[in-house]
């Protein structure tokens, strides 16, 4: 079998506060709704916009020390900008009426907080990267002093020169 890769990278804003719950075996899972958007100029020259919503799931992983659900619960709230790396997952199930339901989710493996806000408990303001570095033991996120806030023009660039 040839090699394959299932990797997703998203930068966006939370549309609601995280939903955190416990599983029957004692694990914890946090679910967030992440909005990403793009802009372009239409054929008529008018600015067009599209927002896409992504369901991202963060688990507290046993054995490897990653406590992403706890990190999301503690530091994330509606409106925050986050960076997520993970993999796309498709699920199918039968609902109570016997109808087949489908779900597309992102299993979040890495998280960097980009909003630059602390939890207020320490009375300090952190850059998103520093907040992630502070919690890197729990989140498995590499330490860095850089933030996407340092290069906002890269995130706001329009792709109106593309041939399609």
N, C-alpha and C. Protein backbone atom coordinates (compact mmCIF):
# COMPACT_ATOMS: atom_id res chain seq x y z
N UNK A 1 0.84 -1.18 0.00
CA UNK A 1 0.00 0.00 0.00
C UNK A 1 0.88 1.24 0.00
N UNK A 2 0.49 2.21 -0.80
CA UNK A 2 1.27 3.44 -0.85
C UNK A 2 1.01 4.30 0.38
N UNK A 3 1.93 5.18 0.65
CA UNK A 3 1.78 6.07 1.80
C UNK A 3 0.64 7.05 1.55
N UNK A 4 0.04 7.51 2.62
CA UNK A 4 -1.03 8.49 2.51
C UNK A 4 -0.93 9.48 3.67
N UNK A 5 -1.69 10.55 3.59
CA UNK A 5 -1.65 11.58 4.61
C UNK A 5 -3.04 12.16 4.78
N UNK A 6 -3.46 12.31 6.01
CA UNK A 6 -4.72 12.95 6.35
C UNK A 6 -4.38 14.04 7.34
N UNK A 7 -4.18 15.27 6.85
CA UNK A 7 -3.78 16.38 7.71
C UNK A 7 -4.56 17.63 7.33
N UNK A 8 -5.07 18.29 8.35
CA UNK A 8 -5.85 19.52 8.17
C UNK A 8 -5.21 20.60 9.03
N UNK A 9 -5.08 21.80 8.48
CA UNK A 9 -4.60 22.96 9.23
C UNK A 9 -5.65 24.06 9.05
N UNK A 10 -6.15 24.57 10.17
CA UNK A 10 -7.16 25.62 10.14
C UNK A 10 -6.77 26.76 11.05
N UNK A 11 -7.06 27.97 10.64
CA UNK A 11 -6.95 29.15 11.48
C UNK A 11 -8.29 29.85 11.38
N UNK A 12 -8.94 30.04 12.52
CA UNK A 12 -10.25 30.67 12.49
C UNK A 12 -10.69 31.10 13.87
N UNK A 13 -11.95 31.52 13.94
CA UNK A 13 -12.52 32.01 15.19
C UNK A 13 -13.61 31.07 15.68
N UNK A 14 -13.67 30.93 17.01
CA UNK A 14 -14.69 30.09 17.62
C UNK A 14 -16.05 30.77 17.52
N UNK A 15 -17.05 30.02 17.07
CA UNK A 15 -18.40 30.55 16.93
C UNK A 15 -19.21 30.46 18.20
N UNK A 16 -18.74 29.70 19.17
CA UNK A 16 -19.43 29.52 20.45
C UNK A 16 -18.41 29.04 21.47
N UNK A 17 -18.78 29.11 22.75
CA UNK A 17 -17.92 28.55 23.78
C UNK A 17 -17.80 27.05 23.56
N UNK A 18 -16.67 26.45 23.93
CA UNK A 18 -16.49 25.00 23.77
C UNK A 18 -17.52 24.21 24.58
N UNK A 19 -17.92 23.07 24.03
CA UNK A 19 -18.78 22.12 24.75
C UNK A 19 -17.87 21.01 25.25
N UNK A 20 -17.79 20.83 26.55
CA UNK A 20 -16.91 19.81 27.13
C UNK A 20 -17.78 18.79 27.84
N UNK A 21 -17.48 17.50 27.61
CA UNK A 21 -18.24 16.44 28.28
C UNK A 21 -17.29 15.29 28.61
N UNK A 22 -17.78 14.43 29.50
CA UNK A 22 -17.02 13.25 29.88
C UNK A 22 -17.62 12.03 29.18
N UNK A 23 -16.76 11.10 28.82
CA UNK A 23 -17.21 9.87 28.18
C UNK A 23 -17.48 8.82 29.25
N UNK A 24 -18.11 7.73 28.86
CA UNK A 24 -18.47 6.68 29.81
C UNK A 24 -17.24 6.01 30.42
N UNK A 25 -16.09 6.05 29.72
CA UNK A 25 -14.88 5.42 30.28
C UNK A 25 -14.01 6.43 31.04
N UNK A 26 -14.53 7.63 31.32
CA UNK A 26 -13.80 8.59 32.13
C UNK A 26 -12.96 9.58 31.36
N UNK A 27 -12.95 9.49 30.04
CA UNK A 27 -12.20 10.45 29.24
C UNK A 27 -12.96 11.77 29.11
N UNK A 28 -12.28 12.77 28.59
CA UNK A 28 -12.93 14.07 28.37
C UNK A 28 -12.75 14.47 26.92
N UNK A 29 -13.77 15.14 26.39
CA UNK A 29 -13.73 15.58 25.01
C UNK A 29 -14.33 16.98 24.93
N UNK A 30 -13.68 17.85 24.15
CA UNK A 30 -14.18 19.21 23.92
C UNK A 30 -14.50 19.37 22.44
N UNK A 31 -15.65 19.96 22.16
CA UNK A 31 -16.08 20.20 20.79
C UNK A 31 -16.21 21.70 20.58
N UNK A 32 -15.62 22.18 19.47
CA UNK A 32 -15.74 23.60 19.14
C UNK A 32 -16.23 23.74 17.71
N UNK A 33 -16.86 24.87 17.47
CA UNK A 33 -17.30 25.25 16.13
C UNK A 33 -16.38 26.36 15.65
N UNK A 34 -15.61 26.08 14.60
CA UNK A 34 -14.58 27.00 14.13
C UNK A 34 -14.98 27.57 12.78
N UNK A 35 -14.95 28.89 12.67
CA UNK A 35 -15.30 29.58 11.42
C UNK A 35 -14.03 30.00 10.69
N UNK A 36 -13.96 29.64 9.42
CA UNK A 36 -12.90 30.14 8.55
C UNK A 36 -13.59 30.87 7.40
N UNK A 37 -12.90 31.79 6.81
CA UNK A 37 -13.51 32.54 5.73
C UNK A 37 -12.52 32.87 4.63
N UNK A 38 -13.08 33.21 3.49
CA UNK A 38 -12.24 33.66 2.39
C UNK A 38 -12.97 34.77 1.65
N UNK A 39 -12.19 35.59 0.98
CA UNK A 39 -12.74 36.71 0.23
C UNK A 39 -12.15 36.69 -1.17
N UNK A 40 -12.93 37.17 -2.13
CA UNK A 40 -12.47 37.27 -3.50
C UNK A 40 -13.32 38.30 -4.22
N UNK A 41 -12.86 38.70 -5.39
CA UNK A 41 -13.64 39.61 -6.21
C UNK A 41 -14.36 38.78 -7.26
N UNK A 42 -15.66 39.00 -7.37
CA UNK A 42 -16.46 38.29 -8.36
C UNK A 42 -16.24 38.83 -9.75
N UNK A 43 -16.88 38.21 -10.73
CA UNK A 43 -16.74 38.63 -12.12
C UNK A 43 -17.18 40.08 -12.31
N UNK A 44 -18.11 40.54 -11.47
CA UNK A 44 -18.59 41.92 -11.55
C UNK A 44 -17.71 42.90 -10.78
N UNK A 45 -16.61 42.41 -10.19
CA UNK A 45 -15.69 43.27 -9.45
C UNK A 45 -16.07 43.50 -8.00
N UNK A 46 -17.21 42.99 -7.59
CA UNK A 46 -17.67 43.15 -6.22
C UNK A 46 -16.98 42.16 -5.30
N UNK A 47 -16.71 42.60 -4.08
CA UNK A 47 -16.08 41.74 -3.08
C UNK A 47 -17.08 40.66 -2.64
N UNK A 48 -16.64 39.42 -2.66
CA UNK A 48 -17.45 38.29 -2.24
C UNK A 48 -16.82 37.68 -0.98
N UNK A 49 -17.64 37.08 -0.15
CA UNK A 49 -17.15 36.45 1.08
C UNK A 49 -17.86 35.13 1.30
N UNK A 50 -17.13 34.17 1.85
CA UNK A 50 -17.74 32.89 2.21
C UNK A 50 -17.15 32.45 3.54
N UNK A 51 -18.03 32.06 4.47
CA UNK A 51 -17.61 31.51 5.76
C UNK A 51 -17.92 30.03 5.77
N UNK A 52 -16.95 29.24 6.20
CA UNK A 52 -17.14 27.80 6.36
C UNK A 52 -17.04 27.47 7.84
N UNK A 53 -17.89 26.56 8.29
CA UNK A 53 -17.90 26.14 9.69
C UNK A 53 -17.36 24.73 9.81
N UNK A 54 -16.49 24.53 10.80
CA UNK A 54 -15.84 23.24 11.02
C UNK A 54 -16.08 22.78 12.45
N UNK A 55 -16.45 21.53 12.60
CA UNK A 55 -16.61 20.93 13.92
C UNK A 55 -15.27 20.29 14.28
N UNK A 56 -14.65 20.79 15.36
CA UNK A 56 -13.33 20.30 15.77
C UNK A 56 -13.47 19.64 17.14
N UNK A 57 -12.92 18.44 17.26
CA UNK A 57 -12.99 17.63 18.47
C UNK A 57 -11.59 17.53 19.07
N UNK A 58 -11.48 17.84 20.37
CA UNK A 58 -10.21 17.71 21.09
C UNK A 58 -10.41 16.70 22.22
N UNK A 59 -9.52 15.72 22.32
CA UNK A 59 -9.61 14.68 23.35
C UNK A 59 -8.49 14.85 24.37
N UNK A 60 -8.74 14.41 25.58
CA UNK A 60 -7.67 14.19 26.55
C UNK A 60 -7.15 12.80 26.25
N UNK A 61 -5.94 12.71 25.75
CA UNK A 61 -5.39 11.42 25.36
C UNK A 61 -4.66 10.77 26.53
N UNK A 62 -5.03 9.53 26.79
CA UNK A 62 -4.35 8.79 27.86
C UNK A 62 -3.03 8.25 27.34
N UNK A 63 -2.02 8.23 28.19
CA UNK A 63 -0.75 7.63 27.84
C UNK A 63 0.28 8.59 27.28
N UNK A 64 -0.15 9.65 26.56
CA UNK A 64 0.84 10.55 25.98
C UNK A 64 0.83 11.93 26.63
N UNK A 65 0.02 12.12 27.66
CA UNK A 65 0.03 13.37 28.41
C UNK A 65 -0.70 14.53 27.77
N UNK A 66 -1.27 14.34 26.58
CA UNK A 66 -1.98 15.44 25.94
C UNK A 66 -3.35 15.62 26.57
N UNK A 67 -3.59 16.80 27.08
CA UNK A 67 -4.86 17.13 27.74
C UNK A 67 -5.53 18.26 26.97
N UNK A 68 -5.74 18.07 25.67
CA UNK A 68 -6.26 19.15 24.83
C UNK A 68 -7.67 19.57 25.23
N UNK A 69 -8.53 18.64 25.65
CA UNK A 69 -9.89 19.01 26.06
C UNK A 69 -9.84 19.96 27.25
N UNK A 70 -8.96 19.67 28.21
CA UNK A 70 -8.83 20.55 29.38
C UNK A 70 -8.30 21.93 28.98
N UNK A 71 -7.33 21.97 28.06
CA UNK A 71 -6.77 23.23 27.59
C UNK A 71 -7.85 24.07 26.91
N UNK A 72 -8.65 23.44 26.05
CA UNK A 72 -9.73 24.14 25.35
C UNK A 72 -10.74 24.68 26.36
N UNK A 73 -11.12 23.86 27.33
CA UNK A 73 -12.10 24.28 28.33
C UNK A 73 -11.60 25.50 29.12
N UNK A 74 -10.33 25.48 29.46
CA UNK A 74 -9.78 26.52 30.33
C UNK A 74 -9.50 27.83 29.60
N UNK A 75 -8.97 27.74 28.36
CA UNK A 75 -8.46 28.94 27.70
C UNK A 75 -9.28 29.45 26.51
N UNK A 76 -10.21 28.68 25.98
CA UNK A 76 -10.92 29.09 24.77
C UNK A 76 -12.33 29.54 25.07
N UNK A 77 -12.76 30.57 24.32
CA UNK A 77 -14.14 31.04 24.44
C UNK A 77 -14.58 31.60 23.09
N UNK A 78 -15.86 31.83 22.96
CA UNK A 78 -16.45 32.36 21.73
C UNK A 78 -15.67 33.58 21.24
N UNK A 79 -15.36 33.60 19.95
CA UNK A 79 -14.66 34.72 19.34
C UNK A 79 -13.15 34.57 19.28
N UNK A 80 -12.57 33.69 20.08
CA UNK A 80 -11.12 33.52 20.09
C UNK A 80 -10.62 32.99 18.75
N UNK A 81 -9.43 33.45 18.35
CA UNK A 81 -8.78 32.95 17.15
C UNK A 81 -7.83 31.83 17.56
N UNK A 82 -7.92 30.70 16.87
CA UNK A 82 -7.05 29.56 17.18
C UNK A 82 -6.47 28.97 15.90
N UNK A 83 -5.35 28.29 16.07
CA UNK A 83 -4.70 27.50 15.03
C UNK A 83 -4.87 26.04 15.42
N UNK A 84 -5.34 25.23 14.50
CA UNK A 84 -5.59 23.81 14.77
C UNK A 84 -4.91 22.97 13.70
N UNK A 85 -4.23 21.92 14.14
CA UNK A 85 -3.76 20.87 13.23
C UNK A 85 -4.44 19.59 13.65
N UNK A 86 -4.85 18.81 12.67
CA UNK A 86 -5.50 17.55 12.99
C UNK A 86 -5.76 16.75 11.73
N UNK A 87 -6.73 15.86 11.83
CA UNK A 87 -7.10 15.04 10.69
C UNK A 87 -8.61 15.05 10.52
N UNK A 88 -9.03 14.90 9.28
CA UNK A 88 -10.46 14.91 8.98
C UNK A 88 -11.02 13.51 9.21
N UNK A 89 -12.22 13.45 9.76
CA UNK A 89 -12.84 12.17 10.09
C UNK A 89 -14.32 12.22 9.66
N UNK A 90 -14.78 11.17 9.03
CA UNK A 90 -16.18 11.07 8.60
C UNK A 90 -16.85 9.97 9.42
N UNK A 91 -18.01 10.29 9.98
CA UNK A 91 -18.74 9.30 10.78
C UNK A 91 -20.14 9.11 10.19
N UNK A 92 -20.66 7.91 10.38
CA UNK A 92 -22.03 7.58 10.00
C UNK A 92 -22.68 6.85 11.15
N UNK A 93 -23.97 7.14 11.40
CA UNK A 93 -24.69 6.46 12.46
C UNK A 93 -26.18 6.50 12.16
N UNK A 94 -26.92 5.71 12.91
CA UNK A 94 -28.37 5.67 12.79
C UNK A 94 -28.97 6.48 13.94
N UNK A 95 -29.88 7.41 13.63
CA UNK A 95 -30.53 8.17 14.68
C UNK A 95 -31.70 7.38 15.27
N UNK A 96 -32.42 7.99 16.20
CA UNK A 96 -33.52 7.30 16.89
C UNK A 96 -34.63 6.86 15.94
N UNK A 97 -34.81 7.59 14.84
CA UNK A 97 -35.84 7.25 13.86
C UNK A 97 -35.35 6.27 12.80
N UNK A 98 -34.10 5.81 12.93
CA UNK A 98 -33.56 4.86 11.97
C UNK A 98 -32.95 5.50 10.73
N UNK A 99 -32.87 6.83 10.69
CA UNK A 99 -32.29 7.53 9.56
C UNK A 99 -30.76 7.50 9.66
N UNK A 100 -30.11 7.34 8.53
CA UNK A 100 -28.66 7.38 8.50
C UNK A 100 -28.21 8.84 8.54
N UNK A 101 -27.32 9.14 9.46
CA UNK A 101 -26.78 10.49 9.63
C UNK A 101 -25.29 10.47 9.33
N UNK A 102 -24.81 11.61 8.83
CA UNK A 102 -23.41 11.74 8.47
C UNK A 102 -22.81 12.95 9.18
N UNK A 103 -21.55 12.85 9.54
CA UNK A 103 -20.87 13.95 10.22
C UNK A 103 -19.43 14.02 9.72
N UNK A 104 -18.98 15.24 9.48
CA UNK A 104 -17.58 15.48 9.14
C UNK A 104 -16.97 16.27 10.29
N UNK A 105 -15.88 15.76 10.84
CA UNK A 105 -15.24 16.38 12.00
C UNK A 105 -13.74 16.47 11.77
N UNK A 106 -13.13 17.38 12.50
CA UNK A 106 -11.68 17.47 12.55
C UNK A 106 -11.25 16.98 13.92
N UNK A 107 -10.41 15.96 13.95
CA UNK A 107 -9.82 15.49 15.21
C UNK A 107 -8.59 16.36 15.47
N UNK A 108 -8.71 17.30 16.39
CA UNK A 108 -7.62 18.23 16.68
C UNK A 108 -6.49 17.53 17.42
N UNK A 109 -5.28 17.66 16.89
CA UNK A 109 -4.09 17.06 17.51
C UNK A 109 -3.17 18.11 18.12
N UNK A 110 -3.21 19.32 17.55
CA UNK A 110 -2.40 20.43 18.06
C UNK A 110 -3.25 21.68 18.08
N UNK A 111 -2.96 22.56 19.03
CA UNK A 111 -3.73 23.78 19.22
C UNK A 111 -2.80 24.90 19.64
N UNK A 112 -2.92 26.04 18.98
CA UNK A 112 -2.21 27.24 19.39
C UNK A 112 -3.25 28.35 19.53
N UNK A 113 -3.23 29.01 20.67
CA UNK A 113 -4.16 30.10 20.93
C UNK A 113 -3.58 31.37 20.34
N UNK A 114 -4.31 32.01 19.44
CA UNK A 114 -3.79 33.18 18.72
C UNK A 114 -4.40 34.50 19.19
N UNK A 115 -5.38 34.45 20.04
CA UNK A 115 -6.08 35.68 20.43
C UNK A 115 -5.25 36.59 21.31
N UNK A 116 -4.24 36.07 21.98
CA UNK A 116 -3.38 36.90 22.82
C UNK A 116 -4.04 37.30 24.12
N UNK A 117 -4.96 36.48 24.62
CA UNK A 117 -5.64 36.78 25.88
C UNK A 117 -5.34 35.66 26.86
N UNK A 118 -5.07 36.03 28.10
CA UNK A 118 -4.88 35.04 29.16
C UNK A 118 -6.20 34.72 29.81
N UNK A 119 -6.16 33.84 30.80
CA UNK A 119 -7.40 33.47 31.49
C UNK A 119 -7.74 34.44 32.60
N UNK A 120 -6.91 35.46 32.80
CA UNK A 120 -7.19 36.48 33.81
C UNK A 120 -6.79 36.05 35.20
N UNK A 121 -6.58 34.77 35.41
CA UNK A 121 -6.26 34.27 36.74
C UNK A 121 -4.91 34.74 37.23
N UNK A 122 -3.97 34.96 36.32
CA UNK A 122 -2.63 35.38 36.72
C UNK A 122 -2.44 36.88 36.53
N UNK A 123 -3.45 37.56 36.02
CA UNK A 123 -3.35 38.99 35.84
C UNK A 123 -2.39 39.39 34.75
N UNK A 124 -2.10 38.50 33.80
CA UNK A 124 -1.17 38.82 32.72
C UNK A 124 -1.84 38.57 31.38
N UNK A 125 -1.31 39.24 30.38
CA UNK A 125 -1.79 39.04 29.03
C UNK A 125 -0.73 38.26 28.28
N UNK A 126 -1.13 37.17 27.67
CA UNK A 126 -0.20 36.32 26.93
C UNK A 126 -0.46 36.46 25.46
N UNK A 127 0.59 36.32 24.66
CA UNK A 127 0.35 36.16 23.23
C UNK A 127 -0.15 34.74 23.06
N UNK A 128 -0.81 34.47 21.97
CA UNK A 128 -1.35 33.13 21.77
C UNK A 128 -0.28 32.06 21.84
N UNK A 129 0.88 32.33 21.24
CA UNK A 129 1.94 31.34 21.24
C UNK A 129 2.47 31.10 22.65
N UNK A 130 2.55 32.18 23.47
CA UNK A 130 3.03 32.01 24.83
C UNK A 130 2.04 31.23 25.67
N UNK A 131 0.74 31.44 25.44
CA UNK A 131 -0.27 30.67 26.17
C UNK A 131 -0.16 29.20 25.82
N UNK A 132 0.09 28.92 24.54
CA UNK A 132 0.26 27.53 24.13
C UNK A 132 1.54 26.96 24.71
N UNK A 133 2.62 27.76 24.72
CA UNK A 133 3.88 27.28 25.28
C UNK A 133 3.75 27.03 26.77
N UNK A 134 3.00 27.89 27.47
CA UNK A 134 2.80 27.71 28.90
C UNK A 134 2.10 26.39 29.18
N UNK A 135 1.23 25.98 28.29
CA UNK A 135 0.47 24.75 28.47
C UNK A 135 1.02 23.62 27.61
N UNK A 136 2.24 23.77 27.08
CA UNK A 136 2.74 22.80 26.12
C UNK A 136 2.89 21.40 26.71
N UNK A 137 3.15 21.29 27.97
CA UNK A 137 3.26 19.96 28.57
C UNK A 137 1.91 19.23 28.47
N UNK A 138 0.83 19.99 28.64
CA UNK A 138 -0.50 19.39 28.57
C UNK A 138 -0.96 19.24 27.14
N UNK A 139 -0.56 20.14 26.26
CA UNK A 139 -1.12 20.15 24.92
C UNK A 139 -0.21 19.52 23.87
N UNK A 140 1.06 19.30 24.18
CA UNK A 140 1.95 18.74 23.20
C UNK A 140 2.30 19.72 22.09
N UNK A 141 2.20 21.01 22.35
CA UNK A 141 2.46 22.03 21.35
C UNK A 141 3.88 22.53 21.52
N UNK A 142 4.66 22.60 20.43
CA UNK A 142 6.03 23.07 20.57
C UNK A 142 6.09 24.52 21.00
N UNK A 143 7.12 24.86 21.80
CA UNK A 143 7.29 26.22 22.32
C UNK A 143 7.76 27.14 21.20
N UNK A 144 7.13 28.31 21.13
CA UNK A 144 7.51 29.31 20.14
C UNK A 144 7.17 30.69 20.69
N UNK A 145 7.90 31.71 20.24
CA UNK A 145 7.61 33.07 20.66
C UNK A 145 6.93 33.85 19.55
N UNK A 146 6.61 33.21 18.43
CA UNK A 146 5.98 33.88 17.32
C UNK A 146 4.48 33.67 17.36
N UNK A 147 3.76 34.61 16.76
CA UNK A 147 2.31 34.54 16.68
C UNK A 147 1.90 35.01 15.30
N UNK A 148 0.77 34.50 14.80
CA UNK A 148 0.26 34.97 13.52
C UNK A 148 -0.17 36.43 13.61
N UNK A 149 -0.37 36.95 14.82
CA UNK A 149 -0.71 38.37 14.98
C UNK A 149 0.44 39.25 14.51
N UNK A 150 1.67 38.70 14.47
CA UNK A 150 2.83 39.47 14.04
C UNK A 150 2.84 39.68 12.53
N UNK A 151 2.08 38.87 11.78
CA UNK A 151 2.05 38.99 10.33
C UNK A 151 0.60 38.98 9.83
N UNK A 152 -0.20 39.97 10.24
CA UNK A 152 -1.61 39.96 9.88
C UNK A 152 -1.86 40.04 8.38
N UNK A 153 -0.95 40.67 7.64
CA UNK A 153 -1.18 40.78 6.20
C UNK A 153 -1.16 39.41 5.52
N UNK A 154 -0.48 38.45 6.08
CA UNK A 154 -0.47 37.10 5.50
C UNK A 154 -1.83 36.43 5.64
N UNK A 155 -2.55 36.74 6.70
CA UNK A 155 -3.85 36.13 6.92
C UNK A 155 -4.96 36.85 6.16
N UNK A 156 -4.76 38.11 5.82
CA UNK A 156 -5.80 38.90 5.18
C UNK A 156 -5.59 39.06 3.67
N UNK A 157 -4.58 38.40 3.12
CA UNK A 157 -4.29 38.56 1.71
C UNK A 157 -5.45 38.07 0.84
N UNK A 158 -5.74 38.81 -0.20
CA UNK A 158 -6.78 38.41 -1.12
C UNK A 158 -6.14 37.63 -2.26
N UNK A 159 -6.83 36.63 -2.75
CA UNK A 159 -6.33 35.80 -3.83
C UNK A 159 -7.01 36.15 -5.15
N UNK A 160 -7.15 37.44 -5.46
CA UNK A 160 -7.87 37.81 -6.65
C UNK A 160 -7.02 37.71 -7.91
N UNK A 161 -5.75 37.31 -7.80
CA UNK A 161 -4.92 37.10 -8.97
C UNK A 161 -4.92 35.66 -9.44
N UNK A 162 -5.66 34.79 -8.75
CA UNK A 162 -5.70 33.40 -9.13
C UNK A 162 -6.49 33.21 -10.42
N UNK A 163 -6.07 32.29 -11.29
CA UNK A 163 -6.72 32.12 -12.59
C UNK A 163 -8.04 31.37 -12.55
N UNK A 164 -8.55 31.01 -11.38
CA UNK A 164 -9.81 30.26 -11.32
C UNK A 164 -10.75 30.86 -10.33
